[in-house]
Amino acid sequence: MNRYHFPTTTGDLKSARWIYCKGFLFLTILLLSVTIILIDHFSWKLSALLALTVWSSARFYYFLFYVIEKYVDPSYKFAGIFSFLLYLVKRRASTHHPQ
């Protein structure tokens, strides 16, 4: 029996504690990466470009998983960027070859 209750690698992550931990780890990776880049190659231009990259990446991801599902196609269920690309290909094929 697993007395520490670590999440398994199968199924969806459901524990609020582990979900917050995962989010904190992503934030840590982001901050460490940006810090190392700026320490090695500091410039205001690079700082601004990194800030825009982080912001636009987050907004694009939000667009993929929320905007498409809630406002464009409620039948679409987001499962990752690759699934979105497949969705676009299938959608395009169905509009070019109606049944």
PDB file of N, CA and C in Angstrom:
ATOM      1  N   MET A   1       0.850  -1.199   0.000  1.00  0.00           N
ATOM      2  CA  MET A   1       0.000   0.000   0.000  1.00  0.00           C
ATOM      3  C   MET A   1       0.882   1.245   0.000  1.00  0.00           C
ATOM      4  N   ASN A   2       0.507   2.230  -0.764  1.00  0.00           N
ATOM      5  CA  ASN A   2       1.257   3.465  -0.890  1.00  0.00           C
ATOM      6  C   ASN A   2       0.831   4.410   0.241  1.00  0.00           C
ATOM      7  N   ARG A   3       1.606   4.460   1.315  1.00  0.00           N
ATOM      8  CA  ARG A   3       1.191   5.258   2.468  1.00  0.00           C
ATOM      9  C   ARG A   3       1.395   6.765   2.285  1.00  0.00           C
ATOM     10  N   TYR A   4       2.151   7.161   1.252  1.00  0.00           N
ATOM     11  CA  TYR A   4       2.390   8.586   1.008  1.00  0.00           C
ATOM     12  C   TYR A   4       1.376   9.188   0.043  1.00  0.00           C
ATOM     13  N   HIS A   5       0.568   8.363  -0.581  1.00  0.00           N
ATOM     14  CA  HIS A   5      -0.497   8.821  -1.477  1.00  0.00           C
ATOM     15  C   HIS A   5       0.027   9.690  -2.620  1.00  0.00           C
ATOM     16  N   PHE A   6       1.137   9.247  -3.235  1.00  0.00           N
ATOM     17  CA  PHE A   6       1.631   9.944  -4.415  1.00  0.00           C
ATOM     18  C   PHE A   6       0.687   9.674  -5.579  1.00  0.00           C
ATOM     19  N   PRO A   7       0.483  10.659  -6.433  1.00  0.00           N
ATOM     20  CA  PRO A   7      -0.409  10.419  -7.569  1.00  0.00           C
ATOM     21  C   PRO A   7       0.206   9.401  -8.516  1.00  0.00           C
ATOM     22  N   THR A   8      -0.641   8.625  -9.145  1.00  0.00           N
ATOM     23  CA  THR A   8      -0.166   7.663 -10.128  1.00  0.00           C
ATOM     24  C   THR A   8      -0.037   8.360 -11.472  1.00  0.00           C
ATOM     25  N   THR A   9       0.600   7.692 -12.417  1.00  0.00           N
ATOM     26  CA  THR A   9       0.787   8.280 -13.744  1.00  0.00           C
ATOM     27  C   THR A   9      -0.389   7.978 -14.664  1.00  0.00           C
ATOM     28  N   THR A  10      -1.394   7.268 -14.178  1.00  0.00           N
ATOM     29  CA  THR A  10      -2.557   6.977 -14.997  1.00  0.00           C
ATOM     30  C   THR A  10      -3.734   7.826 -14.548  1.00  0.00           C
ATOM     31  N   GLY A  11      -4.580   8.179 -15.499  1.00  0.00           N
ATOM     32  CA  GLY A  11      -5.767   8.953 -15.166  1.00  0.00           C
ATOM     33  C   GLY A  11      -5.470  10.433 -14.971  1.00  0.00           C
ATOM     34  N   ASP A  12      -6.522  11.171 -14.706  1.00  0.00           N
ATOM     35  CA  ASP A  12      -6.405  12.610 -14.488  1.00  0.00           C
ATOM     36  C   ASP A  12      -5.951  12.907 -13.067  1.00  0.00           C
ATOM     37  N   LEU A  13      -5.221  13.981 -12.935  1.00  0.00           N
ATOM     38  CA  LEU A  13      -4.798  14.455 -11.621  1.00  0.00           C
ATOM     39  C   LEU A  13      -6.003  15.121 -10.955  1.00  0.00           C
ATOM     40  N   LYS A  14      -6.397  14.632  -9.780  1.00  0.00           N
ATOM     41  CA  LYS A  14      -7.598  15.136  -9.123  1.00  0.00           C
ATOM     42  C   LYS A  14      -7.323  15.812  -7.780  1.00  0.00           C
ATOM     43  N   SER A  15      -6.181  15.583  -7.209  1.00  0.00           N
ATOM     44  CA  SER A  15      -5.850  16.152  -5.906  1.00  0.00           C
ATOM     45  C   SER A  15      -5.513  17.631  -6.052  1.00  0.00           C
ATOM     46  N   ALA A  16      -6.259  18.473  -5.319  1.00  0.00           N
ATOM     47  CA  ALA A  16      -6.002  19.916  -5.379  1.00  0.00           C
ATOM     48  C   ALA A  16      -4.572  20.227  -4.963  1.00  0.00           C
ATOM     49  N   ARG A  17      -4.054  19.532  -3.970  1.00  0.00           N
ATOM     50  CA  ARG A  17      -2.677  19.763  -3.503  1.00  0.00           C
ATOM     51  C   ARG A  17      -1.669  19.504  -4.618  1.00  0.00           C
ATOM     52  N   TRP A  18      -1.836  18.403  -5.357  1.00  0.00           N
ATOM     53  CA  TRP A  18      -0.896  18.079  -6.433  1.00  0.00           C
ATOM     54  C   TRP A  18      -1.082  18.985  -7.644  1.00  0.00           C
ATOM     55  N   ILE A  19      -2.301  19.429  -7.874  1.00  0.00           N
ATOM     56  CA  ILE A  19      -2.541  20.370  -8.972  1.00  0.00           C
ATOM     57  C   ILE A  19      -1.834  21.699  -8.687  1.00  0.00           C
ATOM     58  N   TYR A  20      -1.958  22.190  -7.449  1.00  0.00           N
ATOM     59  CA  TYR A  20      -1.240  23.416  -7.067  1.00  0.00           C
ATOM     60  C   TYR A  20       0.266  23.206  -7.134  1.00  0.00           C
ATOM     61  N   CYS A  21       0.740  22.042  -6.707  1.00  0.00           N
ATOM     62  CA  CYS A  21       2.172  21.727  -6.764  1.00  0.00           C
ATOM     63  C   CYS A  21       2.662  21.766  -8.214  1.00  0.00           C
ATOM     64  N   LYS A  22       1.884  21.171  -9.106  1.00  0.00           N
ATOM     65  CA  LYS A  22       2.241  21.163 -10.524  1.00  0.00           C
ATOM     66  C   LYS A  22       2.314  22.588 -11.073  1.00  0.00           C
ATOM     67  N   GLY A  23       1.324  23.415 -10.734  1.00  0.00           N
ATOM     68  CA  GLY A  23       1.330  24.808 -11.174  1.00  0.00           C
ATOM     69  C   GLY A  23       2.531  25.563 -10.638  1.00  0.00           C
ATOM     70  N   PHE A  24       2.853  25.347  -9.357  1.00  0.00           N
ATOM     71  CA  PHE A  24       4.017  25.994  -8.753  1.00  0.00           C
ATOM     72  C   PHE A  24       5.314  25.552  -9.436  1.00  0.00           C
ATOM     73  N   LEU A  25       5.403  24.280  -9.791  1.00  0.00           N
ATOM     74  CA  LEU A  25       6.600  23.790 -10.495  1.00  0.00           C
ATOM     75  C   LEU A  25       6.729  24.432 -11.876  1.00  0.00           C
ATOM     76  N   PHE A  26       5.608  24.600 -12.584  1.00  0.00           N
ATOM     77  CA  PHE A  26       5.664  25.296 -13.877  1.00  0.00           C
ATOM     78  C   PHE A  26       6.135  26.739 -13.694  1.00  0.00           C
ATOM     79  N   LEU A  27       5.615  27.410 -12.683  1.00  0.00           N
ATOM     80  CA  LEU A  27       6.032  28.778 -12.397  1.00  0.00           C
ATOM     81  C   LEU A  27       7.525  28.824 -12.062  1.00  0.00           C
ATOM     82  N   THR A  28       8.004  27.871 -11.290  1.00  0.00           N
ATOM     83  CA  THR A  28       9.421  27.798 -10.930  1.00  0.00           C
ATOM     84  C   THR A  28      10.292  27.632 -12.171  1.00  0.00           C
ATOM     85  N   ILE A  29       9.895  26.735 -13.055  1.00  0.00           N
ATOM     86  CA  ILE A  29      10.640  26.529 -14.311  1.00  0.00           C
ATOM     87  C   ILE A  29      10.675  27.823 -15.119  1.00  0.00           C
ATOM     88  N   LEU A  30       9.532  28.494 -15.216  1.00  0.00           N
ATOM     89  CA  LEU A  30       9.453  29.753 -15.952  1.00  0.00           C
ATOM     90  C   LEU A  30      10.394  30.799 -15.375  1.00  0.00           C
ATOM     91  N   LEU A  31      10.306  31.010 -14.068  1.00  0.00           N
ATOM     92  CA  LEU A  31      11.127  32.047 -13.430  1.00  0.00           C
ATOM     93  C   LEU A  31      12.617  31.734 -13.505  1.00  0.00           C
ATOM     94  N   LEU A  32      12.979  30.474 -13.286  1.00  0.00           N
ATOM     95  CA  LEU A  32      14.396  30.101 -13.382  1.00  0.00           C
ATOM     96  C   LEU A  32      14.916  30.266 -14.803  1.00  0.00           C
ATOM     97  N   SER A  33      14.126  29.870 -15.779  1.00  0.00           N
ATOM     98  CA  SER A  33      14.546  29.993 -17.179  1.00  0.00           C
ATOM     99  C   SER A  33      14.759  31.446 -17.580  1.00  0.00           C
ATOM    100  N   VAL A  34      13.778  32.289 -17.261  1.00  0.00           N
ATOM    101  CA  VAL A  34      13.902  33.709 -17.600  1.00  0.00           C
ATOM    102  C   VAL A  34      15.081  34.334 -16.865  1.00  0.00           C
ATOM    103  N   THR A  35      15.257  33.997 -15.594  1.00  0.00           N
ATOM    104  CA  THR A  35      16.374  34.535 -14.817  1.00  0.00           C
ATOM    105  C   THR A  35      17.711  34.145 -15.422  1.00  0.00           C
ATOM    106  N   ILE A  36      17.870  32.885 -15.792  1.00  0.00           N
ATOM    107  CA  ILE A  36      19.142  32.420 -16.375  1.00  0.00           C
ATOM    108  C   ILE A  36      19.397  33.101 -17.714  1.00  0.00           C
ATOM    109  N   ILE A  37      18.360  33.221 -18.538  1.00  0.00           N
ATOM    110  CA  ILE A  37      18.530  33.902 -19.836  1.00  0.00           C
ATOM    111  C   ILE A  37      18.974  35.348 -19.625  1.00  0.00           C
ATOM    112  N   LEU A  38      18.315  36.048 -18.687  1.00  0.00           N
ATOM    113  CA  LEU A  38      18.652  37.461 -18.481  1.00  0.00           C
ATOM    114  C   LEU A  38      20.005  37.645 -17.804  1.00  0.00           C
ATOM    115  N   ILE A  39      20.414  36.717 -16.960  1.00  0.00           N
ATOM    116  CA  ILE A  39      21.745  36.796 -16.357  1.00  0.00           C
ATOM    117  C   ILE A  39      22.818  36.628 -17.430  1.00  0.00           C
ATOM    118  N   ASP A  40      22.590  35.701 -18.341  1.00  0.00           N
ATOM    119  CA  ASP A  40      23.577  35.448 -19.400  1.00  0.00           C
ATOM    120  C   ASP A  40      23.598  36.529 -20.480  1.00  0.00           C
ATOM    121  N   HIS A  41      22.442  37.119 -20.801  1.00  0.00           N
ATOM    122  CA  HIS A  41      22.354  38.039 -21.942  1.00  0.00           C
ATOM    123  C   HIS A  41      21.421  39.205 -21.634  1.00  0.00           C
ATOM    124  N   PHE A  42      21.655  39.935 -20.570  1.00  0.00           N
ATOM    125  CA  PHE A  42      20.717  40.987 -20.193  1.00  0.00           C
ATOM    126  C   PHE A  42      20.686  42.124 -21.198  1.00  0.00           C
ATOM    127  N   SER A  43      19.460  42.495 -21.547  1.00  0.00           N
ATOM    128  CA  SER A  43      19.179  43.735 -22.270  1.00  0.00           C
ATOM    129  C   SER A  43      17.700  44.040 -22.044  1.00  0.00           C
ATOM    130  N   TRP A  44      17.341  45.312 -22.131  1.00  0.00           N
ATOM    131  CA  TRP A  44      15.944  45.681 -21.953  1.00  0.00           C
ATOM    132  C   TRP A  44      15.097  45.127 -23.092  1.00  0.00           C
ATOM    133  N   LYS A  45      15.681  45.092 -24.281  1.00  0.00           N
ATOM    134  CA  LYS A  45      14.962  44.550 -25.434  1.00  0.00           C
ATOM    135  C   LYS A  45      14.636  43.070 -25.206  1.00  0.00           C
ATOM    136  N   LEU A  46      15.630  42.308 -24.756  1.00  0.00           N
ATOM    137  CA  LEU A  46      15.408  40.885 -24.493  1.00  0.00           C
ATOM    138  C   LEU A  46      14.399  40.695 -23.363  1.00  0.00           C
ATOM    139  N   SER A  47      14.462  41.535 -22.346  1.00  0.00           N
ATOM    140  CA  SER A  47      13.495  41.458 -21.246  1.00  0.00           C
ATOM    141  C   SER A  47      12.074  41.661 -21.756  1.00  0.00           C
ATOM    142  N   ALA A  48      11.890  42.657 -22.604  1.00  0.00           N
ATOM    143  CA  ALA A  48      10.567  42.923 -23.161  1.00  0.00           C
ATOM    144  C   ALA A  48      10.096  41.781 -24.049  1.00  0.00           C
ATOM    145  N   LEU A  49      10.996  41.248 -24.861  1.00  0.00           N
ATOM    146  CA  LEU A  49      10.627  40.141 -25.740  1.00  0.00           C
ATOM    147  C   LEU A  49      10.268  38.880 -24.941  1.00  0.00           C
ATOM    148  N   LEU A  50      11.004  38.626 -23.876  1.00  0.00           N
ATOM    149  CA  LEU A  50      10.666  37.481 -23.023  1.00  0.00           C
ATOM    150  C   LEU A  50       9.305  37.676 -22.365  1.00  0.00           C
ATOM    151  N   ALA A  51       9.033  38.876 -21.888  1.00  0.00           N
ATOM    152  CA  ALA A  51       7.739  39.157 -21.263  1.00  0.00           C
ATOM    153  C   ALA A  51       6.607  38.969 -22.275  1.00  0.00           C
ATOM    154  N   LEU A  52       6.789  39.458 -23.493  1.00  0.00           N
ATOM    155  CA  LEU A  52       5.780  39.278 -24.533  1.00  0.00           C
ATOM    156  C   LEU A  52       5.602  37.809 -24.907  1.00  0.00           C
ATOM    157  N   THR A  53       6.694  37.065 -24.948  1.00  0.00           N
ATOM    158  CA  THR A  53       6.632  35.640 -25.272  1.00  0.00           C
ATOM    159  C   THR A  53       5.842  34.874 -24.215  1.00  0.00           C
ATOM    160  N   VAL A  54       6.128  35.141 -22.950  1.00  0.00           N
ATOM    161  CA  VAL A  54       5.422  34.469 -21.862  1.00  0.00           C
ATOM    162  C   VAL A  54       3.943  34.836 -21.889  1.00  0.00           C
ATOM    163  N   TRP A  55       3.643  36.112 -22.013  1.00  0.00           N
ATOM    164  CA  TRP A  55       2.260  36.567 -22.023  1.00  0.00           C
ATOM    165  C   TRP A  55       1.480  35.993 -23.205  1.00  0.00           C
ATOM    166  N   SER A  56       2.052  36.091 -24.407  1.00  0.00           N
ATOM    167  CA  SER A  56       1.332  35.627 -25.595  1.00  0.00           C
ATOM    168  C   SER A  56       1.192  34.107 -25.607  1.00  0.00           C
ATOM    169  N   SER A  57       2.151  33.388 -25.053  1.00  0.00           N
ATOM    170  CA  SER A  57       2.047  31.925 -24.954  1.00  0.00           C
ATOM    171  C   SER A  57       0.886  31.540 -24.051  1.00  0.00           C
ATOM    172  N   ALA A  58       0.764  32.215 -22.929  1.00  0.00           N
ATOM    173  CA  ALA A  58      -0.330  31.936 -21.999  1.00  0.00           C
ATOM    174  C   ALA A  58      -1.675  32.262 -22.643  1.00  0.00           C
ATOM    175  N   ARG A  59      -1.761  33.381 -23.337  1.00  0.00           N
ATOM    176  CA  ARG A  59      -3.011  33.764 -23.997  1.00  0.00           C
ATOM    177  C   ARG A  59      -3.366  32.790 -25.121  1.00  0.00           C
ATOM    178  N   PHE A  60      -2.371  32.322 -25.874  1.00  0.00           N
ATOM    179  CA  PHE A  60      -2.612  31.361 -26.955  1.00  0.00           C
ATOM    180  C   PHE A  60      -3.125  30.041 -26.386  1.00  0.00           C
ATOM    181  N   TYR A  61      -2.534  29.581 -25.308  1.00  0.00           N
ATOM    182  CA  TYR A  61      -2.967  28.345 -24.677  1.00  0.00           C
ATOM    183  C   TYR A  61      -4.403  28.490 -24.172  1.00  0.00           C
ATOM    184  N   TYR A  62      -4.723  29.617 -23.566  1.00  0.00           N
ATOM    185  CA  TYR A  62      -6.092  29.908 -23.120  1.00  0.00           C
ATOM    186  C   TYR A  62      -7.045  29.875 -24.310  1.00  0.00           C
ATOM    187  N   PHE A  63      -6.635  30.480 -25.410  1.00  0.00           N
ATOM    188  CA  PHE A  63      -7.435  30.472 -26.638  1.00  0.00           C
ATOM    189  C   PHE A  63      -7.714  29.043 -27.087  1.00  0.00           C
ATOM    190  N   LEU A  64      -6.671  28.201 -27.081  1.00  0.00           N
ATOM    191  CA  LEU A  64      -6.832  26.825 -27.546  1.00  0.00           C
ATOM    192  C   LEU A  64      -7.809  26.037 -26.691  1.00  0.00           C
ATOM    193  N   PHE A  65      -7.665  26.120 -25.376  1.00  0.00           N
ATOM    194  CA  PHE A  65      -8.473  25.232 -24.556  1.00  0.00           C
ATOM    195  C   PHE A  65      -9.789  25.843 -24.101  1.00  0.00           C
ATOM    196  N   TYR A  66      -9.919  27.139 -24.016  1.00  0.00           N
ATOM    197  CA  TYR A  66     -11.146  27.727 -23.483  1.00  0.00           C
ATOM    198  C   TYR A  66     -11.989  28.393 -24.565  1.00  0.00           C
ATOM    199  N   VAL A  67     -11.401  29.275 -25.317  1.00  0.00           N
ATOM    200  CA  VAL A  67     -12.164  30.065 -26.288  1.00  0.00           C
ATOM    201  C   VAL A  67     -12.783  29.171 -27.354  1.00  0.00           C
ATOM    202  N   ILE A  68     -12.002  28.247 -27.909  1.00  0.00           N
ATOM    203  CA  ILE A  68     -12.531  27.370 -28.952  1.00  0.00           C
ATOM    204  C   ILE A  68     -13.693  26.540 -28.404  1.00  0.00           C
ATOM    205  N   GLU A  69     -13.489  25.937 -27.225  1.00  0.00           N
ATOM    206  CA  GLU A  69     -14.519  25.069 -26.642  1.00  0.00           C
ATOM    207  C   GLU A  69     -15.777  25.833 -26.227  1.00  0.00           C
ATOM    208  N   LYS A  70     -15.631  27.027 -25.664  1.00  0.00           N
ATOM    209  CA  LYS A  70     -16.783  27.764 -25.136  1.00  0.00           C
ATOM    210  C   LYS A  70     -17.499  28.623 -26.167  1.00  0.00           C
ATOM    211  N   TYR A  71     -16.766  29.161 -27.151  1.00  0.00           N
ATOM    212  CA  TYR A  71     -17.366  30.132 -28.060  1.00  0.00           C
ATOM    213  C   TYR A  71     -17.423  29.701 -29.528  1.00  0.00           C
ATOM    214  N   VAL A  72     -16.556  28.772 -29.941  1.00  0.00           N
ATOM    215  CA  VAL A  72     -16.505  28.405 -31.352  1.00  0.00           C
ATOM    216  C   VAL A  72     -17.163  27.057 -31.603  1.00  0.00           C
ATOM    217  N   ASP A  73     -16.747  26.032 -30.851  1.00  0.00           N
ATOM    218  CA  ASP A  73     -17.243  24.676 -31.078  1.00  0.00           C
ATOM    219  C   ASP A  73     -17.362  23.937 -29.755  1.00  0.00           C
ATOM    220  N   PRO A  74     -18.549  23.956 -29.142  1.00  0.00           N
ATOM    221  CA  PRO A  74     -18.732  23.298 -27.838  1.00  0.00           C
ATOM    222  C   PRO A  74     -18.493  21.788 -27.874  1.00  0.00           C
ATOM    223  N   SER A  75     -18.500  21.178 -29.061  1.00  0.00           N
ATOM    224  CA  SER A  75     -18.250  19.733 -29.141  1.00  0.00           C
ATOM    225  C   SER A  75     -16.760  19.408 -29.024  1.00  0.00           C
ATOM    226  N   TYR A  76     -15.910  20.400 -29.211  1.00  0.00           N
ATOM    227  CA  TYR A  76     -14.463  20.191 -29.117  1.00  0.00           C
ATOM    228  C   TYR A  76     -14.040  20.138 -27.655  1.00  0.00           C
ATOM    229  N   LYS A  77     -13.292  19.109 -27.286  1.00  0.00           N
ATOM    230  CA  LYS A  77     -12.750  18.970 -25.927  1.00  0.00           C
ATOM    231  C   LYS A  77     -11.229  18.974 -26.021  1.00  0.00           C
ATOM    232  N   PHE A  78     -10.618  19.979 -25.427  1.00  0.00           N
ATOM    233  CA  PHE A  78      -9.180  20.185 -25.496  1.00  0.00           C
ATOM    234  C   PHE A  78      -8.420  19.071 -24.786  1.00  0.00           C
ATOM    235  N   ALA A  79      -7.418  18.532 -25.438  1.00  0.00           N
ATOM    236  CA  ALA A  79      -6.566  17.512 -24.820  1.00  0.00           C
ATOM    237  C   ALA A  79      -5.093  17.806 -25.076  1.00  0.00           C
ATOM    238  N   GLY A  80      -4.767  19.005 -25.531  1.00  0.00           N
ATOM    239  CA  GLY A  80      -3.384  19.371 -25.805  1.00  0.00           C
ATOM    240  C   GLY A  80      -3.266  20.058 -27.152  1.00  0.00           C
ATOM    241  N   ILE A  81      -2.101  20.619 -27.389  1.00  0.00           N
ATOM    242  CA  ILE A  81      -1.879  21.366 -28.635  1.00  0.00           C
ATOM    243  C   ILE A  81      -1.967  20.444 -29.844  1.00  0.00           C
ATOM    244  N   PHE A  82      -1.431  19.215 -29.715  1.00  0.00           N
ATOM    245  CA  PHE A  82      -1.497  18.271 -30.826  1.00  0.00           C
ATOM    246  C   PHE A  82      -2.948  17.935 -31.162  1.00  0.00           C
ATOM    247  N   SER A  83      -3.785  17.771 -30.145  1.00  0.00           N
ATOM    248  CA  SER A  83      -5.200  17.476 -30.406  1.00  0.00           C
ATOM    249  C   SER A  83      -5.865  18.657 -31.118  1.00  0.00           C
ATOM    250  N   PHE A  84      -5.458  19.878 -30.801  1.00  0.00           N
ATOM    251  CA  PHE A  84      -6.015  21.043 -31.477  1.00  0.00           C
ATOM    252  C   PHE A  84      -5.617  21.050 -32.950  1.00  0.00           C
ATOM    253  N   LEU A  85      -4.361  20.699 -33.240  1.00  0.00           N
ATOM    254  CA  LEU A  85      -3.930  20.636 -34.643  1.00  0.00           C
ATOM    255  C   LEU A  85      -4.722  19.586 -35.412  1.00  0.00           C
ATOM    256  N   LEU A  86      -4.955  18.424 -34.789  1.00  0.00           N
ATOM    257  CA  LEU A  86      -5.784  17.394 -35.426  1.00  0.00           C
ATOM    258  C   LEU A  86      -7.208  17.893 -35.643  1.00  0.00           C
ATOM    259  N   TYR A  87      -7.732  18.608 -34.658  1.00  0.00           N
ATOM    260  CA  TYR A  87      -9.064  19.194 -34.768  1.00  0.00           C
ATOM    261  C   TYR A  87      -9.137  20.120 -35.985  1.00  0.00           C
ATOM    262  N   LEU A  88      -8.130  20.979 -36.158  1.00  0.00           N
ATOM    263  CA  LEU A  88      -8.120  21.896 -37.302  1.00  0.00           C
ATOM    264  C   LEU A  88      -8.074  21.146 -38.629  1.00  0.00           C
ATOM    265  N   VAL A  89      -7.236  20.116 -38.694  1.00  0.00           N
ATOM    266  CA  VAL A  89      -7.118  19.326 -39.929  1.00  0.00           C
ATOM    267  C   VAL A  89      -8.447  18.649 -40.246  1.00  0.00           C
ATOM    268  N   LYS A  90      -9.063  18.023 -39.240  1.00  0.00           N
ATOM    269  CA  LYS A  90     -10.348  17.340 -39.457  1.00  0.00           C
ATOM    270  C   LYS A  90     -11.446  18.328 -39.837  1.00  0.00           C
ATOM    271  N   ARG A  91     -11.437  19.466 -39.181  1.00  0.00           N
ATOM    272  CA  ARG A  91     -12.462  20.485 -39.454  1.00  0.00           C
ATOM    273  C   ARG A  91     -12.310  21.014 -40.874  1.00  0.00           C
ATOM    274  N   ARG A  92     -11.066  21.250 -41.270  1.00  0.00           N
ATOM    275  CA  ARG A  92     -10.810  21.757 -42.624  1.00  0.00           C
ATOM    276  C   ARG A  92     -11.213  20.725 -43.667  1.00  0.00           C
ATOM    277  N   ALA A  93     -10.889  19.437 -43.388  1.00  0.00           N
ATOM    278  CA  ALA A  93     -11.246  18.382 -44.331  1.00  0.00           C
ATOM    279  C   ALA A  93     -12.760  18.258 -44.462  1.00  0.00           C
ATOM    280  N   SER A  94     -13.485  18.413 -43.360  1.00  0.00           N
ATOM    281  CA  SER A  94     -14.945  18.277 -43.420  1.00  0.00           C
ATOM    282  C   SER A  94     -15.585  19.468 -44.133  1.00  0.00           C
ATOM    283  N   THR A  95     -14.981  20.637 -44.104  1.00  0.00           N
ATOM    284  CA  THR A  95     -15.556  21.793 -44.806  1.00  0.00           C
ATOM    285  C   THR A  95     -15.251  21.735 -46.300  1.00  0.00           C
ATOM    286  N   HIS A  96     -14.142  21.068 -46.677  1.00  0.00           N
ATOM    287  CA  HIS A  96     -13.793  20.939 -48.093  1.00  0.00           C
ATOM    288  C   HIS A  96     -14.500  19.760 -48.750  1.00  0.00           C
ATOM    289  N   HIS A  97     -14.869  18.762 -47.953  1.00  0.00           N
ATOM    290  CA  HIS A  97     -15.518  17.560 -48.480  1.00  0.00           C
ATOM    291  C   HIS A  97     -16.786  17.270 -47.684  1.00  0.00           C
ATOM    292  N   PRO A  98     -17.824  18.074 -47.903  1.00  0.00           N
ATOM    293  CA  PRO A  98     -19.062  17.821 -47.156  1.00  0.00           C
ATOM    294  C   PRO A  98     -19.664  16.464 -47.541  1.00  0.00           C
ATOM    295  N   GLN A  99     -20.324  15.850 -46.574  1.00  0.00           N
ATOM    296  CA  GLN A  99     -20.887  14.516 -46.843  1.00  0.00           C
ATOM    297  C   GLN A  99     -22.312  14.595 -47.293  1.00  0.00           C
TER     298      GLN A  99
END
